[in-house]
Amino acid sequence: MVNKFSVVISGWPAVGKTTIAAKLAEEFGLVMYNGGDILKMLAAEKDYSTASEDWWDTAEAKKFMRERKSDPSFDKKVDKKLSELVKKEGAVITSYTLPWLVKEESVIKLWLRGSTENRARRMANRDSISFAEAKKIITLRDDENKKIYRRLYGFSFGEDLTVFDYMLNTDRLPLDPLIEISKLIVRRQIGG
């Protein structure tokens, strides 16, 4: 049985990363970290008002994203911090980039896949916005993420999935079975 392990969950925006990560952290007694939260902390340090739950979908966040595109130090700081955390302690981390950046065998890497339409429905429900608005935001964020990570690290986000141990299609099952499958994967991986 593996004593110290971490789980890194990646996937497109609004695919269910945070929800599944929280359940895994609870089930296995791990600390949960969210790459987006660390990036929001950096934005707050630059006097952005990041308090709202759906901050990433606001006009102010879009302004921050423009600044972020011109200054790669934001992402590099987040990734450095997350890399340190995943090596130091047992954790569940949601991150767009970490699966490509860490090579440790003790890290279980999950990719969550979902269609633009289903992700837009999730976002619309979560953030109380229209489906059309959610789809527009999803499309923009998908495009921005691909560009940023190709420029910063040279990998094709959402295309090169060879770094992942497991992939789950969130369109195929409701949330509860996805959570149970994720727990089973981790249990099997750690020998429990």
C-alpha atoms as a PDB file:
ATOM      1  CA  MET A   1       0.000   0.000   0.000  1.00  0.00           C
ATOM      2  CA  VAL A   2       1.284   3.466  -0.924  1.00  0.00           C
ATOM      3  CA  ASN A   3       1.771   5.648   2.178  1.00  0.00           C
ATOM      4  CA  LYS A   4       2.088   9.083   0.631  1.00  0.00           C
ATOM      5  CA  PHE A   5       0.295   9.891  -2.577  1.00  0.00           C
ATOM      6  CA  SER A   6      -1.338  12.805  -4.315  1.00  0.00           C
ATOM      7  CA  VAL A   7      -4.070  13.055  -6.919  1.00  0.00           C
ATOM      8  CA  VAL A   8      -4.002  15.682  -9.654  1.00  0.00           C
ATOM      9  CA  ILE A   9      -7.210  16.317 -11.579  1.00  0.00           C
ATOM     10  CA  SER A  10      -7.203  18.229 -14.838  1.00  0.00           C
ATOM     11  CA  GLY A  11      -9.699  18.935 -17.584  1.00  0.00           C
ATOM     12  CA  TRP A  12     -11.507  21.749 -19.331  1.00  0.00           C
ATOM     13  CA  PRO A  13     -13.331  24.482 -17.367  1.00  0.00           C
ATOM     14  CA  ALA A  14     -16.656  23.439 -15.743  1.00  0.00           C
ATOM     15  CA  VAL A  15     -16.037  19.722 -16.238  1.00  0.00           C
ATOM     16  CA  GLY A  16     -16.341  18.844 -12.530  1.00  0.00           C
ATOM     17  CA  LYS A  17     -12.723  18.970 -11.325  1.00  0.00           C
ATOM     18  CA  THR A  18     -13.368  20.806  -8.063  1.00  0.00           C
ATOM     19  CA  THR A  19     -16.408  18.720  -7.137  1.00  0.00           C
ATOM     20  CA  ILE A  20     -14.614  15.407  -7.628  1.00  0.00           C
ATOM     21  CA  ALA A  21     -11.429  16.717  -5.985  1.00  0.00           C
ATOM     22  CA  ALA A  22     -13.351  17.745  -2.857  1.00  0.00           C
ATOM     23  CA  LYS A  23     -14.933  14.290  -2.557  1.00  0.00           C
ATOM     24  CA  LEU A  24     -11.576  12.530  -3.026  1.00  0.00           C
ATOM     25  CA  ALA A  25      -9.907  14.779  -0.448  1.00  0.00           C
ATOM     26  CA  GLU A  26     -12.686  13.996   2.023  1.00  0.00           C
ATOM     27  CA  GLU A  27     -12.618  10.246   1.336  1.00  0.00           C
ATOM     28  CA  PHE A  28      -8.850   9.820   1.657  1.00  0.00           C
ATOM     29  CA  GLY A  29      -8.090  12.493   4.263  1.00  0.00           C
ATOM     30  CA  LEU A  30      -6.033  14.600   1.862  1.00  0.00           C
ATOM     31  CA  VAL A  31      -5.633  18.367   1.651  1.00  0.00           C
ATOM     32  CA  MET A  32      -7.267  19.963  -1.399  1.00  0.00           C
ATOM     33  CA  TYR A  33      -5.664  22.723  -3.447  1.00  0.00           C
ATOM     34  CA  ASN A  34      -7.062  24.469  -6.487  1.00  0.00           C
ATOM     35  CA  GLY A  35      -4.696  26.028  -9.027  1.00  0.00           C
ATOM     36  CA  GLY A  36      -7.315  28.643  -9.830  1.00  0.00           C
ATOM     37  CA  ASP A  37      -7.491  29.707  -6.178  1.00  0.00           C
ATOM     38  CA  ILE A  38      -3.750  30.291  -6.063  1.00  0.00           C
ATOM     39  CA  LEU A  39      -3.965  32.301  -9.294  1.00  0.00           C
ATOM     40  CA  LYS A  40      -6.827  34.306  -7.733  1.00  0.00           C
ATOM     41  CA  MET A  41      -4.594  35.033  -4.719  1.00  0.00           C
ATOM     42  CA  LEU A  42      -1.995  36.475  -7.086  1.00  0.00           C
ATOM     43  CA  ALA A  43      -4.716  38.566  -8.764  1.00  0.00           C
ATOM     44  CA  ALA A  44      -5.837  39.857  -5.348  1.00  0.00           C
ATOM     45  CA  GLU A  45      -2.239  40.856  -4.605  1.00  0.00           C
ATOM     46  CA  LYS A  46      -2.479  43.020  -7.724  1.00  0.00           C
ATOM     47  CA  ASP A  47      -5.634  44.673  -6.300  1.00  0.00           C
ATOM     48  CA  TYR A  48      -8.220  42.725  -8.279  1.00  0.00           C
ATOM     49  CA  SER A  49     -11.427  42.096  -6.339  1.00  0.00           C
ATOM     50  CA  THR A  50     -11.651  38.298  -6.454  1.00  0.00           C
ATOM     51  CA  ALA A  51     -14.179  37.607  -3.688  1.00  0.00           C
ATOM     52  CA  SER A  52     -17.094  36.305  -5.754  1.00  0.00           C
ATOM     53  CA  GLU A  53     -17.441  32.555  -6.301  1.00  0.00           C
ATOM     54  CA  ASP A  54     -17.825  32.976 -10.076  1.00  0.00           C
ATOM     55  CA  TRP A  55     -15.019  35.548 -10.347  1.00  0.00           C
ATOM     56  CA  TRP A  56     -13.382  33.798 -13.317  1.00  0.00           C
ATOM     57  CA  ASP A  57     -16.456  34.563 -15.398  1.00  0.00           C
ATOM     58  CA  THR A  58     -16.508  38.326 -14.672  1.00  0.00           C
ATOM     59  CA  ALA A  59     -15.271  41.287 -16.728  1.00  0.00           C
ATOM     60  CA  GLU A  60     -12.596  41.954 -14.107  1.00  0.00           C
ATOM     61  CA  ALA A  61     -11.289  38.400 -14.463  1.00  0.00           C
ATOM     62  CA  LYS A  62     -11.138  38.853 -18.228  1.00  0.00           C
ATOM     63  CA  LYS A  63      -9.013  41.963 -17.638  1.00  0.00           C
ATOM     64  CA  PHE A  64      -6.742  39.938 -15.346  1.00  0.00           C
ATOM     65  CA  MET A  65      -6.520  37.216 -18.009  1.00  0.00           C
ATOM     66  CA  ARG A  66      -5.288  39.809 -20.515  1.00  0.00           C
ATOM     67  CA  GLU A  67      -2.636  40.903 -18.018  1.00  0.00           C
ATOM     68  CA  ARG A  68      -1.795  37.263 -17.309  1.00  0.00           C
ATOM     69  CA  LYS A  69      -1.261  36.612 -21.034  1.00  0.00           C
ATOM     70  CA  SER A  70       1.372  39.347 -21.176  1.00  0.00           C
ATOM     71  CA  ASP A  71       3.099  38.259 -17.936  1.00  0.00           C
ATOM     72  CA  PRO A  72       3.855  34.526 -17.686  1.00  0.00           C
ATOM     73  CA  SER A  73       5.139  34.935 -14.132  1.00  0.00           C
ATOM     74  CA  PHE A  74       1.569  34.492 -12.817  1.00  0.00           C
ATOM     75  CA  ASP A  75       1.263  30.956 -14.139  1.00  0.00           C
ATOM     76  CA  LYS A  76       4.855  30.061 -13.344  1.00  0.00           C
ATOM     77  CA  LYS A  77       4.341  31.077  -9.684  1.00  0.00           C
ATOM     78  CA  VAL A  78       1.159  29.026  -9.409  1.00  0.00           C
ATOM     79  CA  ASP A  79       2.758  25.985 -11.010  1.00  0.00           C
ATOM     80  CA  LYS A  80       5.868  26.249  -8.828  1.00  0.00           C
ATOM     81  CA  LYS A  81       3.718  26.368  -5.685  1.00  0.00           C
ATOM     82  CA  LEU A  82       1.540  23.449  -6.784  1.00  0.00           C
ATOM     83  CA  SER A  83       4.608  21.380  -7.754  1.00  0.00           C
ATOM     84  CA  GLU A  84       6.031  21.933  -4.274  1.00  0.00           C
ATOM     85  CA  LEU A  85       2.732  20.983  -2.619  1.00  0.00           C
ATOM     86  CA  VAL A  86       2.232  17.791  -4.623  1.00  0.00           C
ATOM     87  CA  LYS A  87       5.736  16.600  -3.691  1.00  0.00           C
ATOM     88  CA  LYS A  88       5.570  17.656  -0.034  1.00  0.00           C
ATOM     89  CA  GLU A  89       2.267  16.249   1.165  1.00  0.00           C
ATOM     90  CA  GLY A  90      -0.610  14.015   0.248  1.00  0.00           C
ATOM     91  CA  ALA A  91      -3.019  16.263  -1.605  1.00  0.00           C
ATOM     92  CA  VAL A  92      -5.751  16.442  -4.199  1.00  0.00           C
ATOM     93  CA  ILE A  93      -4.983  19.263  -6.605  1.00  0.00           C
ATOM     94  CA  THR A  94      -6.977  20.640  -9.507  1.00  0.00           C
ATOM     95  CA  SER A  95      -4.653  22.110 -12.094  1.00  0.00           C
ATOM     96  CA  TYR A  96      -4.570  22.688 -15.804  1.00  0.00           C
ATOM     97  CA  THR A  97      -0.791  22.230 -16.024  1.00  0.00           C
ATOM     98  CA  LEU A  98       0.490  20.069 -13.177  1.00  0.00           C
ATOM     99  CA  PRO A  99      -0.011  16.692 -14.902  1.00  0.00           C
ATOM    100  CA  TRP A 100       2.516  17.720 -17.540  1.00  0.00           C
ATOM    101  CA  LEU A 101       4.962  19.182 -15.011  1.00  0.00           C
ATOM    102  CA  VAL A 102       5.266  16.493 -12.311  1.00  0.00           C
ATOM    103  CA  LYS A 103       6.766  13.082 -12.961  1.00  0.00           C
ATOM    104  CA  GLU A 104       6.528  11.483  -9.501  1.00  0.00           C
ATOM    105  CA  GLU A 105       5.158   7.930  -9.443  1.00  0.00           C
ATOM    106  CA  SER A 106       3.197   8.735  -6.269  1.00  0.00           C
ATOM    107  CA  VAL A 107       0.987  11.183  -8.204  1.00  0.00           C
ATOM    108  CA  ILE A 108      -2.227   9.779  -9.668  1.00  0.00           C
ATOM    109  CA  LYS A 109      -3.295  11.878 -12.663  1.00  0.00           C
ATOM    110  CA  LEU A 110      -6.940  12.058 -13.780  1.00  0.00           C
ATOM    111  CA  TRP A 111      -8.265  13.805 -16.886  1.00  0.00           C
ATOM    112  CA  LEU A 112     -11.954  14.737 -16.899  1.00  0.00           C
ATOM    113  CA  ARG A 113     -13.484  15.127 -20.334  1.00  0.00           C
ATOM    114  CA  GLY A 114     -16.796  16.755 -21.185  1.00  0.00           C
ATOM    115  CA  SER A 115     -18.492  18.321 -24.182  1.00  0.00           C
ATOM    116  CA  THR A 116     -18.745  22.082 -24.525  1.00  0.00           C
ATOM    117  CA  GLU A 117     -22.539  21.809 -24.280  1.00  0.00           C
ATOM    118  CA  ASN A 118     -22.562  19.843 -21.021  1.00  0.00           C
ATOM    119  CA  ARG A 119     -19.888  22.037 -19.480  1.00  0.00           C
ATOM    120  CA  ALA A 120     -21.879  25.134 -20.472  1.00  0.00           C
ATOM    121  CA  ARG A 121     -24.982  23.631 -18.830  1.00  0.00           C
ATOM    122  CA  ARG A 122     -23.007  22.993 -15.636  1.00  0.00           C
ATOM    123  CA  MET A 123     -21.607  26.521 -15.636  1.00  0.00           C
ATOM    124  CA  ALA A 124     -25.023  28.060 -16.345  1.00  0.00           C
ATOM    125  CA  ASN A 125     -26.527  26.177 -13.386  1.00  0.00           C
ATOM    126  CA  ARG A 126     -23.572  26.805 -11.085  1.00  0.00           C
ATOM    127  CA  ASP A 127     -23.210  30.519 -11.847  1.00  0.00           C
ATOM    128  CA  SER A 128     -26.886  31.346 -12.556  1.00  0.00           C
ATOM    129  CA  ILE A 129     -26.214  32.596 -16.077  1.00  0.00           C
ATOM    130  CA  SER A 130     -27.774  31.755 -19.428  1.00  0.00           C
ATOM    131  CA  PHE A 131     -26.639  28.730 -21.407  1.00  0.00           C
ATOM    132  CA  ALA A 132     -25.578  31.018 -24.288  1.00  0.00           C
ATOM    133  CA  GLU A 133     -23.456  33.165 -21.979  1.00  0.00           C
ATOM    134  CA  ALA A 134     -21.897  30.084 -20.364  1.00  0.00           C
ATOM    135  CA  LYS A 135     -21.072  28.568 -23.756  1.00  0.00           C
ATOM    136  CA  LYS A 136     -19.415  31.806 -24.847  1.00  0.00           C
ATOM    137  CA  ILE A 137     -17.324  31.906 -21.639  1.00  0.00           C
ATOM    138  CA  ILE A 138     -16.360  28.227 -21.966  1.00  0.00           C
ATOM    139  CA  THR A 139     -15.260  28.684 -25.582  1.00  0.00           C
ATOM    140  CA  LEU A 140     -13.173  31.741 -24.667  1.00  0.00           C
ATOM    141  CA  ARG A 141     -11.556  30.055 -21.652  1.00  0.00           C
ATOM    142  CA  ASP A 142     -10.809  26.875 -23.627  1.00  0.00           C
ATOM    143  CA  ASP A 143      -9.081  28.899 -26.326  1.00  0.00           C
ATOM    144  CA  GLU A 144      -7.150  31.042 -23.818  1.00  0.00           C
ATOM    145  CA  ASN A 145      -5.968  28.011 -21.841  1.00  0.00           C
ATOM    146  CA  LYS A 146      -4.687  26.270 -24.971  1.00  0.00           C
ATOM    147  CA  LYS A 147      -2.753  29.362 -26.061  1.00  0.00           C
ATOM    148  CA  ILE A 148      -1.290  30.138 -22.634  1.00  0.00           C
ATOM    149  CA  TYR A 149      -0.019  26.627 -21.918  1.00  0.00           C
ATOM    150  CA  ARG A 150       1.360  26.049 -25.404  1.00  0.00           C
ATOM    151  CA  ARG A 151       3.279  29.326 -25.109  1.00  0.00           C
ATOM    152  CA  LEU A 152       4.484  28.715 -21.533  1.00  0.00           C
ATOM    153  CA  TYR A 153       5.259  25.002 -21.603  1.00  0.00           C
ATOM    154  CA  GLY A 154       4.909  23.758 -25.174  1.00  0.00           C
ATOM    155  CA  PHE A 155       2.209  21.148 -24.548  1.00  0.00           C
ATOM    156  CA  SER A 156      -1.170  20.871 -26.248  1.00  0.00           C
ATOM    157  CA  PHE A 157      -3.711  21.228 -23.442  1.00  0.00           C
ATOM    158  CA  GLY A 158      -6.694  18.964 -23.991  1.00  0.00           C
ATOM    159  CA  GLU A 159      -5.007  17.193 -26.901  1.00  0.00           C
ATOM    160  CA  ASP A 160      -1.863  15.505 -25.525  1.00  0.00           C
ATOM    161  CA  LEU A 161      -3.344  13.281 -22.820  1.00  0.00           C
ATOM    162  CA  THR A 162      -0.478  10.773 -22.656  1.00  0.00           C
ATOM    163  CA  VAL A 163       0.602  12.073 -19.225  1.00  0.00           C
ATOM    164  CA  PHE A 164      -2.634  10.876 -17.570  1.00  0.00           C
ATOM    165  CA  ASP A 165      -3.125   7.617 -15.723  1.00  0.00           C
ATOM    166  CA  TYR A 166      -6.918   7.680 -16.143  1.00  0.00           C
ATOM    167  CA  MET A 167      -9.528   9.553 -18.175  1.00  0.00           C
ATOM    168  CA  LEU A 168     -13.216   9.903 -17.338  1.00  0.00           C
ATOM    169  CA  ASN A 169     -15.932  11.186 -19.655  1.00  0.00           C
ATOM    170  CA  THR A 170     -18.219  13.308 -17.478  1.00  0.00           C
ATOM    171  CA  ASP A 171     -20.895  13.348 -20.201  1.00  0.00           C
ATOM    172  CA  ARG A 172     -21.532   9.616 -19.808  1.00  0.00           C
ATOM    173  CA  LEU A 173     -22.465   9.369 -16.122  1.00  0.00           C
ATOM    174  CA  PRO A 174     -24.154  11.453 -13.439  1.00  0.00           C
ATOM    175  CA  LEU A 175     -21.982  12.979 -10.720  1.00  0.00           C
ATOM    176  CA  ASP A 176     -22.383  10.337  -7.995  1.00  0.00           C
ATOM    177  CA  PRO A 177     -21.161   7.403 -10.120  1.00  0.00           C
ATOM    178  CA  LEU A 178     -18.255   9.554 -11.382  1.00  0.00           C
ATOM    179  CA  ILE A 179     -17.253  10.234  -7.780  1.00  0.00           C
ATOM    180  CA  GLU A 180     -17.472   6.531  -6.893  1.00  0.00           C
ATOM    181  CA  ILE A 181     -15.406   5.553  -9.948  1.00  0.00           C
ATOM    182  CA  SER A 182     -12.792   8.167  -9.011  1.00  0.00           C
ATOM    183  CA  LYS A 183     -12.627   6.791  -5.458  1.00  0.00           C
ATOM    184  CA  LEU A 184     -12.264   3.247  -6.799  1.00  0.00           C
ATOM    185  CA  ILE A 185      -9.434   4.324  -9.101  1.00  0.00           C
ATOM    186  CA  VAL A 186      -7.543   5.912  -6.218  1.00  0.00           C
ATOM    187  CA  ARG A 187      -8.174   2.921  -3.905  1.00  0.00           C
ATOM    188  CA  ARG A 188      -6.892   0.502  -6.541  1.00  0.00           C
ATOM    189  CA  GLN A 189      -3.907   2.698  -7.344  1.00  0.00           C
ATOM    190  CA  ILE A 190      -2.792   2.929  -3.709  1.00  0.00           C
ATOM    191  CA  GLY A 191      -3.453  -0.736  -3.029  1.00  0.00           C
ATOM    192  CA  GLY A 192      -6.380  -0.231  -0.658  1.00  0.00           C
END
